[in-house]
Amino acid sequence: MKRLFIVIIVLGILSVPVAIGYNRMVHMEEMPENEMEEAVEMTSIDSLVVLKSKREIRAYLSGRYLKTYKVALGDAPVGHKQFEGDEKTPEGLYRINDRNPNSSYHKNLGISYPNAKDKAYAKSKGKSPGGDIKIHGLPNGQGYLGKLHLATDWTNGCIAVTDEEIDELFKFVKIGSPIQILP
């Protein structure tokens, strides 16, 4: 009986690395090929792509992939933002148009929503398109939550990352950089 117990314990211990390796192998298929390359020192980010369905921002420099950040979105994440208060995160091509180091959400980078098309659509429906869409950190004083904020979509339409991640984005993303937000 004692031998059986020892064999079970040893097999259990040996199965952990196998399970971890399998998990990594399965998830490698989801990663872009160039994400698996050796990390390079980041000096600048000149474009961002948001994949809402994957809850990710991907950072690029001259078309070369640099890094992925996991994000939380607006409370109603499916679909394009059309009106003020709809809790949706916009979809389309925008620009980073503002930098605020004194935000209510640690720091933020402004997104140029609404564009002319967004404004025209909302006006045709007699509504406001809303605005004030940002990439931001966590509410001031709640940075300790870290990645726990990813458990649910909680913003009013913004794109939320951890405080450490917005510090990095704030440092490397320049005003005027394009941001493509995809479903």
N, C-alpha and C. Protein backbone atom coordinates (compact mmCIF):
# COMPACT_ATOMS: atom_id res chain seq x y z
N MET A 1 0.82 -1.19 0.00
CA MET A 1 0.00 0.00 0.00
C MET A 1 0.87 1.26 0.00
N LYS A 2 1.95 1.19 0.79
CA LYS A 2 2.84 2.34 0.87
C LYS A 2 3.49 2.61 -0.50
N ARG A 3 3.88 1.53 -1.21
CA ARG A 3 4.48 1.69 -2.54
C ARG A 3 3.50 2.33 -3.51
N LEU A 4 2.26 1.90 -3.50
CA LEU A 4 1.23 2.47 -4.37
C LEU A 4 1.08 3.96 -4.11
N PHE A 5 1.08 4.34 -2.85
CA PHE A 5 0.97 5.75 -2.47
C PHE A 5 2.15 6.54 -3.03
N ILE A 6 3.37 6.00 -2.90
CA ILE A 6 4.57 6.69 -3.39
C ILE A 6 4.52 6.80 -4.91
N VAL A 7 4.10 5.74 -5.60
CA VAL A 7 4.00 5.77 -7.07
C VAL A 7 3.01 6.84 -7.50
N ILE A 8 1.88 6.93 -6.84
CA ILE A 8 0.87 7.94 -7.18
C ILE A 8 1.42 9.35 -6.97
N ILE A 9 2.11 9.57 -5.87
CA ILE A 9 2.71 10.89 -5.60
C ILE A 9 3.74 11.24 -6.68
N VAL A 10 4.62 10.31 -7.01
CA VAL A 10 5.66 10.56 -8.01
C VAL A 10 5.02 10.85 -9.37
N LEU A 11 4.03 10.06 -9.77
CA LEU A 11 3.35 10.31 -11.05
C LEU A 11 2.66 11.66 -11.05
N GLY A 12 2.07 12.02 -9.93
CA GLY A 12 1.42 13.34 -9.83
C GLY A 12 2.42 14.46 -10.00
N ILE A 13 3.56 14.34 -9.36
CA ILE A 13 4.60 15.37 -9.46
C ILE A 13 5.13 15.45 -10.89
N LEU A 14 5.34 14.30 -11.51
CA LEU A 14 5.86 14.28 -12.88
C LEU A 14 4.85 14.79 -13.90
N SER A 15 3.57 14.70 -13.61
CA SER A 15 2.55 15.14 -14.57
C SER A 15 2.39 16.66 -14.62
N VAL A 16 2.80 17.37 -13.59
CA VAL A 16 2.65 18.83 -13.56
C VAL A 16 3.42 19.50 -14.70
N PRO A 17 4.72 19.21 -14.89
CA PRO A 17 5.42 19.85 -16.02
C PRO A 17 4.82 19.49 -17.37
N VAL A 18 4.34 18.27 -17.52
CA VAL A 18 3.71 17.86 -18.78
C VAL A 18 2.46 18.69 -19.03
N ALA A 19 1.64 18.87 -18.00
CA ALA A 19 0.42 19.66 -18.14
C ALA A 19 0.74 21.11 -18.46
N ILE A 20 1.75 21.66 -17.81
CA ILE A 20 2.14 23.05 -18.08
C ILE A 20 2.64 23.17 -19.52
N GLY A 21 3.47 22.23 -19.95
CA GLY A 21 3.98 22.26 -21.32
C GLY A 21 2.87 22.15 -22.34
N TYR A 22 1.90 21.28 -22.10
CA TYR A 22 0.77 21.13 -23.00
C TYR A 22 -0.02 22.44 -23.07
N ASN A 23 -0.27 23.06 -21.93
CA ASN A 23 -1.02 24.32 -21.89
C ASN A 23 -0.30 25.39 -22.71
N ARG A 24 1.01 25.49 -22.56
CA ARG A 24 1.77 26.47 -23.33
C ARG A 24 1.71 26.16 -24.82
N MET A 25 1.82 24.88 -25.18
CA MET A 25 1.79 24.49 -26.58
C MET A 25 0.44 24.84 -27.20
N VAL A 26 -0.65 24.58 -26.49
CA VAL A 26 -1.98 24.87 -27.00
C VAL A 26 -2.13 26.37 -27.23
N HIS A 27 -1.65 27.18 -26.30
CA HIS A 27 -1.82 28.62 -26.41
C HIS A 27 -0.86 29.27 -27.38
N MET A 28 0.21 28.59 -27.77
CA MET A 28 1.13 29.15 -28.75
C MET A 28 0.44 29.35 -30.09
N GLU A 29 -0.53 28.52 -30.41
CA GLU A 29 -1.24 28.67 -31.67
C GLU A 29 -1.98 29.99 -31.74
N GLU A 30 -2.38 30.52 -30.59
CA GLU A 30 -3.13 31.77 -30.54
C GLU A 30 -2.22 32.98 -30.67
N MET A 31 -0.93 32.80 -30.46
CA MET A 31 -0.01 33.92 -30.46
C MET A 31 0.50 34.18 -31.87
N PRO A 32 0.66 35.45 -32.24
CA PRO A 32 1.27 35.74 -33.53
C PRO A 32 2.68 35.17 -33.56
N GLU A 33 3.12 34.76 -34.74
CA GLU A 33 4.44 34.15 -34.87
C GLU A 33 5.53 35.03 -34.28
N ASN A 34 5.48 36.32 -34.60
CA ASN A 34 6.55 37.20 -34.14
C ASN A 34 6.48 37.48 -32.64
N GLU A 35 5.38 37.13 -31.97
CA GLU A 35 5.30 37.31 -30.52
C GLU A 35 6.22 36.32 -29.82
N MET A 36 6.52 35.22 -30.48
CA MET A 36 7.36 34.20 -29.88
C MET A 36 8.84 34.52 -30.04
N GLU A 37 9.16 35.58 -30.78
CA GLU A 37 10.55 35.98 -30.94
C GLU A 37 11.08 36.53 -29.62
N GLU A 38 12.38 36.59 -29.52
CA GLU A 38 13.01 37.17 -28.34
C GLU A 38 12.56 38.62 -28.19
N ALA A 39 12.26 39.01 -26.97
CA ALA A 39 11.80 40.38 -26.71
C ALA A 39 12.91 41.37 -27.03
N VAL A 40 12.52 42.51 -27.56
CA VAL A 40 13.49 43.57 -27.84
C VAL A 40 13.23 44.71 -26.86
N GLU A 41 14.25 45.49 -26.62
CA GLU A 41 14.07 46.63 -25.72
C GLU A 41 13.19 47.66 -26.42
N MET A 42 12.14 48.07 -25.73
CA MET A 42 11.20 49.01 -26.32
C MET A 42 11.74 50.43 -26.17
N THR A 43 11.76 51.16 -27.27
CA THR A 43 12.18 52.55 -27.24
C THR A 43 11.07 53.48 -27.69
N SER A 44 10.13 52.94 -28.47
CA SER A 44 9.03 53.74 -28.99
C SER A 44 7.95 52.80 -29.50
N ILE A 45 6.72 53.29 -29.47
CA ILE A 45 5.58 52.58 -30.06
C ILE A 45 4.95 53.56 -31.03
N ASP A 46 4.81 53.16 -32.32
CA ASP A 46 4.23 54.10 -33.28
C ASP A 46 2.84 53.72 -33.76
N SER A 47 2.33 52.56 -33.33
CA SER A 47 0.95 52.22 -33.65
C SER A 47 0.44 51.16 -32.68
N LEU A 48 -0.87 51.17 -32.50
CA LEU A 48 -1.54 50.23 -31.61
C LEU A 48 -2.70 49.57 -32.35
N VAL A 49 -2.93 48.31 -32.06
CA VAL A 49 -4.09 47.59 -32.59
C VAL A 49 -4.80 46.98 -31.40
N VAL A 50 -6.09 47.27 -31.27
CA VAL A 50 -6.91 46.69 -30.21
C VAL A 50 -7.77 45.60 -30.83
N LEU A 51 -7.70 44.42 -30.25
CA LEU A 51 -8.55 43.30 -30.65
C LEU A 51 -9.56 43.11 -29.53
N LYS A 52 -10.74 43.71 -29.69
CA LYS A 52 -11.73 43.67 -28.62
C LYS A 52 -12.11 42.25 -28.24
N SER A 53 -12.28 41.39 -29.22
CA SER A 53 -12.71 40.01 -28.94
C SER A 53 -11.68 39.23 -28.13
N LYS A 54 -10.42 39.61 -28.23
CA LYS A 54 -9.35 38.95 -27.46
C LYS A 54 -8.97 39.75 -26.21
N ARG A 55 -9.57 40.93 -26.06
CA ARG A 55 -9.24 41.82 -24.94
C ARG A 55 -7.74 42.11 -24.91
N GLU A 56 -7.22 42.59 -26.05
CA GLU A 56 -5.79 42.86 -26.18
C GLU A 56 -5.53 44.18 -26.90
N ILE A 57 -4.43 44.81 -26.51
CA ILE A 57 -3.80 45.88 -27.29
C ILE A 57 -2.46 45.32 -27.73
N ARG A 58 -2.17 45.42 -29.01
CA ARG A 58 -0.87 45.02 -29.53
C ARG A 58 -0.11 46.28 -29.95
N ALA A 59 1.13 46.38 -29.50
CA ALA A 59 1.97 47.53 -29.77
C ALA A 59 2.96 47.20 -30.88
N TYR A 60 3.18 48.19 -31.77
CA TYR A 60 4.06 48.00 -32.92
C TYR A 60 4.99 49.20 -33.08
N LEU A 61 6.13 48.94 -33.70
CA LEU A 61 7.06 49.97 -34.13
C LEU A 61 7.47 49.65 -35.55
N SER A 62 7.18 50.56 -36.48
CA SER A 62 7.48 50.37 -37.91
C SER A 62 6.96 49.03 -38.42
N GLY A 63 5.76 48.67 -37.98
CA GLY A 63 5.13 47.43 -38.43
C GLY A 63 5.61 46.18 -37.72
N ARG A 64 6.58 46.31 -36.84
CA ARG A 64 7.12 45.15 -36.12
C ARG A 64 6.44 45.03 -34.76
N TYR A 65 5.91 43.84 -34.51
CA TYR A 65 5.24 43.57 -33.25
C TYR A 65 6.21 43.74 -32.08
N LEU A 66 5.73 44.41 -31.00
CA LEU A 66 6.55 44.59 -29.81
C LEU A 66 6.00 43.86 -28.59
N LYS A 67 4.70 44.06 -28.32
CA LYS A 67 4.17 43.56 -27.05
C LYS A 67 2.65 43.54 -27.08
N THR A 68 2.06 42.66 -26.26
CA THR A 68 0.61 42.61 -26.09
C THR A 68 0.26 42.96 -24.65
N TYR A 69 -0.78 43.76 -24.49
CA TYR A 69 -1.32 44.11 -23.18
C TYR A 69 -2.75 43.59 -23.10
N LYS A 70 -3.11 42.92 -22.02
CA LYS A 70 -4.48 42.48 -21.81
C LYS A 70 -5.29 43.67 -21.30
N VAL A 71 -6.57 43.77 -21.72
CA VAL A 71 -7.38 44.94 -21.39
C VAL A 71 -8.78 44.56 -20.92
N ALA A 72 -9.40 45.51 -20.25
CA ALA A 72 -10.84 45.47 -19.97
C ALA A 72 -11.45 46.57 -20.83
N LEU A 73 -12.69 46.35 -21.26
CA LEU A 73 -13.38 47.29 -22.16
C LEU A 73 -14.61 47.89 -21.47
N GLY A 74 -15.43 48.56 -22.28
CA GLY A 74 -16.69 49.09 -21.78
C GLY A 74 -17.63 47.98 -21.34
N ASP A 75 -18.58 48.33 -20.48
CA ASP A 75 -19.54 47.36 -19.94
C ASP A 75 -20.31 46.61 -21.02
N ALA A 76 -20.48 47.21 -22.19
CA ALA A 76 -21.19 46.58 -23.33
C ALA A 76 -20.17 46.46 -24.46
N PRO A 77 -19.29 45.47 -24.41
CA PRO A 77 -18.13 45.46 -25.30
C PRO A 77 -18.40 45.09 -26.76
N VAL A 78 -19.54 44.49 -27.06
CA VAL A 78 -19.80 44.04 -28.43
C VAL A 78 -20.41 45.18 -29.24
N GLY A 79 -19.82 45.44 -30.41
CA GLY A 79 -20.34 46.48 -31.28
C GLY A 79 -19.61 47.80 -31.13
N HIS A 80 -19.85 48.68 -32.08
CA HIS A 80 -19.19 49.99 -32.16
C HIS A 80 -19.94 51.02 -31.32
N LYS A 81 -19.19 51.85 -30.63
CA LYS A 81 -19.80 52.94 -29.87
C LYS A 81 -20.53 53.87 -30.84
N GLN A 82 -21.79 54.18 -30.52
CA GLN A 82 -22.56 55.08 -31.38
C GLN A 82 -23.06 56.31 -30.64
N PHE A 83 -23.36 56.13 -29.35
CA PHE A 83 -23.99 57.23 -28.61
C PHE A 83 -23.40 57.35 -27.20
N GLU A 84 -23.47 58.55 -26.69
CA GLU A 84 -23.06 58.78 -25.31
C GLU A 84 -23.86 57.87 -24.38
N GLY A 85 -23.16 57.24 -23.45
CA GLY A 85 -23.83 56.41 -22.46
C GLY A 85 -24.10 54.98 -22.88
N ASP A 86 -23.70 54.58 -24.10
CA ASP A 86 -24.00 53.20 -24.53
C ASP A 86 -23.01 52.17 -23.97
N GLU A 87 -21.98 52.65 -23.26
CA GLU A 87 -20.99 51.78 -22.58
C GLU A 87 -20.17 50.93 -23.55
N LYS A 88 -20.17 51.29 -24.83
CA LYS A 88 -19.41 50.53 -25.83
C LYS A 88 -18.04 51.18 -26.07
N THR A 89 -17.10 50.35 -26.46
CA THR A 89 -15.78 50.82 -26.87
C THR A 89 -15.83 50.99 -28.39
N PRO A 90 -15.39 52.15 -28.91
CA PRO A 90 -15.48 52.38 -30.36
C PRO A 90 -14.70 51.34 -31.17
N GLU A 91 -15.04 51.25 -32.45
CA GLU A 91 -14.30 50.43 -33.41
C GLU A 91 -13.97 51.31 -34.60
N GLY A 92 -12.78 51.15 -35.13
CA GLY A 92 -12.37 51.93 -36.28
C GLY A 92 -10.95 52.43 -36.11
N LEU A 93 -10.55 53.30 -37.03
CA LEU A 93 -9.21 53.87 -37.00
C LEU A 93 -9.27 55.25 -36.37
N TYR A 94 -8.51 55.43 -35.31
CA TYR A 94 -8.44 56.69 -34.58
C TYR A 94 -6.98 57.04 -34.35
N ARG A 95 -6.74 58.10 -33.62
CA ARG A 95 -5.38 58.53 -33.28
C ARG A 95 -5.30 58.77 -31.77
N ILE A 96 -4.09 58.64 -31.24
CA ILE A 96 -3.85 59.06 -29.86
C ILE A 96 -3.75 60.58 -29.93
N ASN A 97 -4.63 61.27 -29.20
CA ASN A 97 -4.70 62.73 -29.35
C ASN A 97 -4.47 63.50 -28.05
N ASP A 98 -4.15 62.81 -26.97
CA ASP A 98 -3.98 63.51 -25.70
C ASP A 98 -3.18 62.63 -24.74
N ARG A 99 -2.50 63.27 -23.82
CA ARG A 99 -1.76 62.57 -22.76
C ARG A 99 -2.07 63.29 -21.45
N ASN A 100 -2.57 62.55 -20.48
CA ASN A 100 -2.93 63.17 -19.21
C ASN A 100 -2.25 62.42 -18.06
N PRO A 101 -1.23 63.05 -17.45
CA PRO A 101 -0.56 62.40 -16.33
C PRO A 101 -1.31 62.57 -15.01
N ASN A 102 -2.36 63.39 -15.00
CA ASN A 102 -3.11 63.69 -13.77
C ASN A 102 -4.56 63.24 -13.86
N SER A 103 -4.78 62.11 -14.46
CA SER A 103 -6.12 61.56 -14.67
C SER A 103 -6.70 60.99 -13.38
N SER A 104 -7.99 60.80 -13.36
CA SER A 104 -8.66 60.09 -12.26
C SER A 104 -8.34 58.60 -12.30
N TYR A 105 -7.78 58.16 -13.41
CA TYR A 105 -7.41 56.76 -13.62
C TYR A 105 -5.91 56.66 -13.84
N HIS A 106 -5.13 56.95 -12.84
CA HIS A 106 -3.67 56.93 -12.87
C HIS A 106 -3.17 57.87 -13.96
N LYS A 107 -2.99 57.39 -15.17
CA LYS A 107 -2.64 58.21 -16.34
C LYS A 107 -3.54 57.76 -17.47
N ASN A 108 -3.62 58.60 -18.53
CA ASN A 108 -4.37 58.14 -19.69
C ASN A 108 -3.83 58.71 -20.99
N LEU A 109 -4.16 58.00 -22.06
CA LEU A 109 -3.90 58.44 -23.43
C LEU A 109 -5.25 58.62 -24.10
N GLY A 110 -5.50 59.81 -24.66
CA GLY A 110 -6.77 60.07 -25.32
C GLY A 110 -6.85 59.43 -26.69
N ILE A 111 -8.06 59.00 -27.04
CA ILE A 111 -8.35 58.42 -28.36
C ILE A 111 -9.27 59.39 -29.08
N SER A 112 -9.04 59.64 -30.36
CA SER A 112 -9.73 60.69 -31.11
C SER A 112 -11.19 60.38 -31.47
N TYR A 113 -11.85 59.52 -30.73
CA TYR A 113 -13.29 59.30 -30.90
C TYR A 113 -14.01 60.49 -30.29
N PRO A 114 -15.03 61.04 -30.93
CA PRO A 114 -15.65 60.64 -32.18
C PRO A 114 -14.99 61.30 -33.39
N ASN A 115 -14.95 60.58 -34.50
CA ASN A 115 -14.48 61.18 -35.74
C ASN A 115 -15.69 61.77 -36.47
N ALA A 116 -15.48 62.33 -37.64
CA ALA A 116 -16.57 62.99 -38.38
C ALA A 116 -17.71 62.03 -38.69
N LYS A 117 -17.39 60.81 -39.06
CA LYS A 117 -18.43 59.81 -39.37
C LYS A 117 -19.25 59.48 -38.11
N ASP A 118 -18.57 59.32 -36.98
CA ASP A 118 -19.27 59.03 -35.72
C ASP A 118 -20.22 60.17 -35.35
N LYS A 119 -19.74 61.40 -35.52
CA LYS A 119 -20.57 62.57 -35.19
C LYS A 119 -21.78 62.66 -36.10
N ALA A 120 -21.56 62.43 -37.40
CA ALA A 120 -22.67 62.52 -38.37
C ALA A 120 -23.73 61.47 -38.08
N TYR A 121 -23.32 60.25 -37.75
CA TYR A 121 -24.29 59.19 -37.47
C TYR A 121 -25.12 59.54 -36.23
N ALA A 122 -24.45 59.94 -35.17
CA ALA A 122 -25.18 60.29 -33.95
C ALA A 122 -26.13 61.45 -34.19
N LYS A 123 -25.66 62.46 -34.94
CA LYS A 123 -26.51 63.62 -35.23
C LYS A 123 -27.74 63.20 -36.03
N SER A 124 -27.57 62.26 -36.97
CA SER A 124 -28.70 61.80 -37.78
C SER A 124 -29.76 61.10 -36.93
N LYS A 125 -29.37 60.63 -35.77
CA LYS A 125 -30.29 59.96 -34.85
C LYS A 125 -30.74 60.89 -33.72
N GLY A 126 -30.27 62.15 -33.79
CA GLY A 126 -30.65 63.12 -32.77
C GLY A 126 -30.00 62.88 -31.42
N LYS A 127 -28.82 62.27 -31.43
CA LYS A 127 -28.14 61.95 -30.18
C LYS A 127 -26.71 62.47 -30.19
N SER A 128 -26.09 62.44 -29.04
CA SER A 128 -24.67 62.79 -28.90
C SER A 128 -23.84 61.52 -29.10
N PRO A 129 -22.69 61.64 -29.80
CA PRO A 129 -21.84 60.47 -29.97
C PRO A 129 -21.05 60.11 -28.70
N GLY A 130 -21.04 61.01 -27.74
CA GLY A 130 -20.20 60.80 -26.57
C GLY A 130 -18.77 61.16 -26.90
N GLY A 131 -17.87 60.81 -26.05
CA GLY A 131 -16.46 61.15 -26.25
C GLY A 131 -15.67 60.80 -25.01
N ASP A 132 -14.53 61.42 -24.86
CA ASP A 132 -13.69 61.21 -23.69
C ASP A 132 -13.26 59.75 -23.57
N ILE A 133 -12.97 59.12 -24.70
CA ILE A 133 -12.54 57.72 -24.72
C ILE A 133 -11.02 57.69 -24.54
N LYS A 134 -10.56 56.85 -23.63
CA LYS A 134 -9.15 56.82 -23.25
C LYS A 134 -8.62 55.39 -23.16
N ILE A 135 -7.31 55.27 -23.21
CA ILE A 135 -6.61 54.10 -22.68
C ILE A 135 -6.14 54.56 -21.31
N HIS A 136 -6.55 53.88 -20.27
CA HIS A 136 -6.18 54.36 -18.94
C HIS A 136 -5.83 53.22 -17.99
N GLY A 137 -5.23 53.63 -16.88
CA GLY A 137 -4.92 52.69 -15.81
C GLY A 137 -6.14 52.50 -14.92
N LEU A 138 -5.89 52.06 -13.71
CA LEU A 138 -6.96 51.81 -12.76
C LEU A 138 -7.33 53.09 -12.03
N PRO A 139 -8.52 53.15 -11.42
CA PRO A 139 -8.89 54.34 -10.67
C PRO A 139 -7.82 54.65 -9.63
N ASN A 140 -7.54 55.93 -9.43
CA ASN A 140 -6.52 56.32 -8.46
C ASN A 140 -6.79 55.66 -7.12
N GLY A 141 -5.73 55.14 -6.52
CA GLY A 141 -5.85 54.46 -5.24
C GLY A 141 -6.21 52.98 -5.34
N GLN A 142 -6.45 52.49 -6.57
CA GLN A 142 -6.82 51.08 -6.73
C GLN A 142 -5.83 50.30 -7.59
N GLY A 143 -4.64 50.85 -7.76
CA GLY A 143 -3.62 50.18 -8.55
C GLY A 143 -3.25 48.81 -8.02
N TYR A 144 -3.46 48.60 -6.72
CA TYR A 144 -3.15 47.31 -6.11
C TYR A 144 -3.95 46.16 -6.74
N LEU A 145 -5.05 46.48 -7.42
CA LEU A 145 -5.86 45.44 -8.05
C LEU A 145 -5.11 44.75 -9.19
N GLY A 146 -4.18 45.48 -9.81
CA GLY A 146 -3.40 44.89 -10.89
C GLY A 146 -4.28 44.21 -11.92
N LYS A 147 -3.90 43.01 -12.30
CA LYS A 147 -4.61 42.29 -13.36
C LYS A 147 -5.96 41.74 -12.92
N LEU A 148 -6.31 41.86 -11.65
CA LEU A 148 -7.64 41.43 -11.21
C LEU A 148 -8.73 42.21 -11.92
N HIS A 149 -8.41 43.42 -12.39
CA HIS A 149 -9.41 44.23 -13.08
C HIS A 149 -9.87 43.59 -14.39
N LEU A 150 -9.12 42.60 -14.88
CA LEU A 150 -9.46 41.94 -16.14
C LEU A 150 -10.61 40.94 -16.00
N ALA A 151 -11.07 40.70 -14.78
CA ALA A 151 -12.12 39.70 -14.55
C ALA A 151 -13.42 40.06 -15.24
N THR A 152 -13.64 41.34 -15.50
CA THR A 152 -14.88 41.77 -16.15
C THR A 152 -14.62 43.05 -16.93
N ASP A 153 -15.46 43.34 -17.91
CA ASP A 153 -15.41 44.63 -18.61
C ASP A 153 -16.12 45.63 -17.72
N TRP A 154 -15.47 46.74 -17.40
CA TRP A 154 -16.01 47.63 -16.38
C TRP A 154 -15.97 49.12 -16.72
N THR A 155 -15.39 49.50 -17.84
CA THR A 155 -15.28 50.93 -18.14
C THR A 155 -16.56 51.45 -18.79
N ASN A 156 -16.60 52.75 -19.01
CA ASN A 156 -17.74 53.37 -19.70
C ASN A 156 -17.53 53.42 -21.21
N GLY A 157 -16.56 52.67 -21.71
CA GLY A 157 -16.24 52.65 -23.14
C GLY A 157 -14.75 52.79 -23.39
N CYS A 158 -14.01 53.05 -22.33
CA CYS A 158 -12.56 53.18 -22.44
C CYS A 158 -11.89 51.81 -22.50
N ILE A 159 -10.57 51.84 -22.62
CA ILE A 159 -9.74 50.64 -22.65
C ILE A 159 -8.84 50.71 -21.43
N ALA A 160 -8.98 49.74 -20.52
CA ALA A 160 -8.24 49.78 -19.25
C ALA A 160 -7.12 48.75 -19.21
N VAL A 161 -5.98 49.19 -18.69
CA VAL A 161 -4.82 48.34 -18.46
C VAL A 161 -4.38 48.57 -17.01
N THR A 162 -3.36 47.85 -16.55
CA THR A 162 -2.86 48.09 -15.20
C THR A 162 -2.10 49.43 -15.16
N ASP A 163 -1.85 49.92 -13.96
CA ASP A 163 -1.10 51.17 -13.81
C ASP A 163 0.30 51.05 -14.40
N GLU A 164 0.95 49.91 -14.18
CA GLU A 164 2.30 49.71 -14.73
C GLU A 164 2.27 49.72 -16.26
N GLU A 165 1.22 49.15 -16.83
CA GLU A 165 1.12 49.10 -18.29
C GLU A 165 0.83 50.48 -18.88
N ILE A 166 -0.03 51.27 -18.23
CA ILE A 166 -0.28 52.62 -18.76
C ILE A 166 0.97 53.47 -18.59
N ASP A 167 1.76 53.23 -17.54
CA ASP A 167 3.04 53.95 -17.41
C ASP A 167 3.92 53.67 -18.63
N GLU A 168 3.98 52.42 -19.04
CA GLU A 168 4.80 52.04 -20.20
C GLU A 168 4.24 52.64 -21.49
N LEU A 169 2.95 52.50 -21.70
CA LEU A 169 2.32 53.07 -22.90
C LEU A 169 2.48 54.59 -22.92
N PHE A 170 2.28 55.22 -21.78
CA PHE A 170 2.40 56.67 -21.67
C PHE A 170 3.81 57.12 -22.05
N LYS A 171 4.80 56.34 -21.66
CA LYS A 171 6.20 56.67 -21.95
C LYS A 171 6.53 56.53 -23.44
N PHE A 172 5.97 55.51 -24.11
CA PHE A 172 6.43 55.17 -25.45
C PHE A 172 5.49 55.55 -26.59
N VAL A 173 4.21 55.80 -26.32
CA VAL A 173 3.26 56.14 -27.39
C VAL A 173 3.19 57.66 -27.52
N LYS A 174 3.37 58.13 -28.73
CA LYS A 174 3.36 59.58 -28.99
C LYS A 174 2.00 60.04 -29.51
N ILE A 175 1.68 61.31 -29.26
CA ILE A 175 0.47 61.90 -29.81
C ILE A 175 0.53 61.81 -31.33
N GLY A 176 -0.59 61.44 -31.94
CA GLY A 176 -0.67 61.28 -33.39
C GLY A 176 -0.54 59.83 -33.83
N SER A 177 -0.10 58.96 -32.93
CA SER A 177 0.03 57.54 -33.30
C SER A 177 -1.34 56.96 -33.62
N PRO A 178 -1.44 56.15 -34.69
CA PRO A 178 -2.73 55.53 -35.01
C PRO A 178 -3.07 54.40 -34.04
N ILE A 179 -4.37 54.26 -33.79
CA ILE A 179 -4.88 53.15 -33.01
C ILE A 179 -6.06 52.56 -33.78
N GLN A 180 -5.91 51.32 -34.20
CA GLN A 180 -6.96 50.60 -34.93
C GLN A 180 -7.68 49.74 -33.91
N ILE A 181 -8.98 49.97 -33.74
CA ILE A 181 -9.78 49.19 -32.78
C ILE A 181 -10.68 48.26 -33.58
N LEU A 182 -10.43 46.97 -33.43
CA LEU A 182 -11.14 45.95 -34.19
C LEU A 182 -12.11 45.18 -33.29
N PRO A 183 -13.18 44.65 -33.89
CA PRO A 183 -14.15 43.87 -33.08
C PRO A 183 -13.49 42.70 -32.35
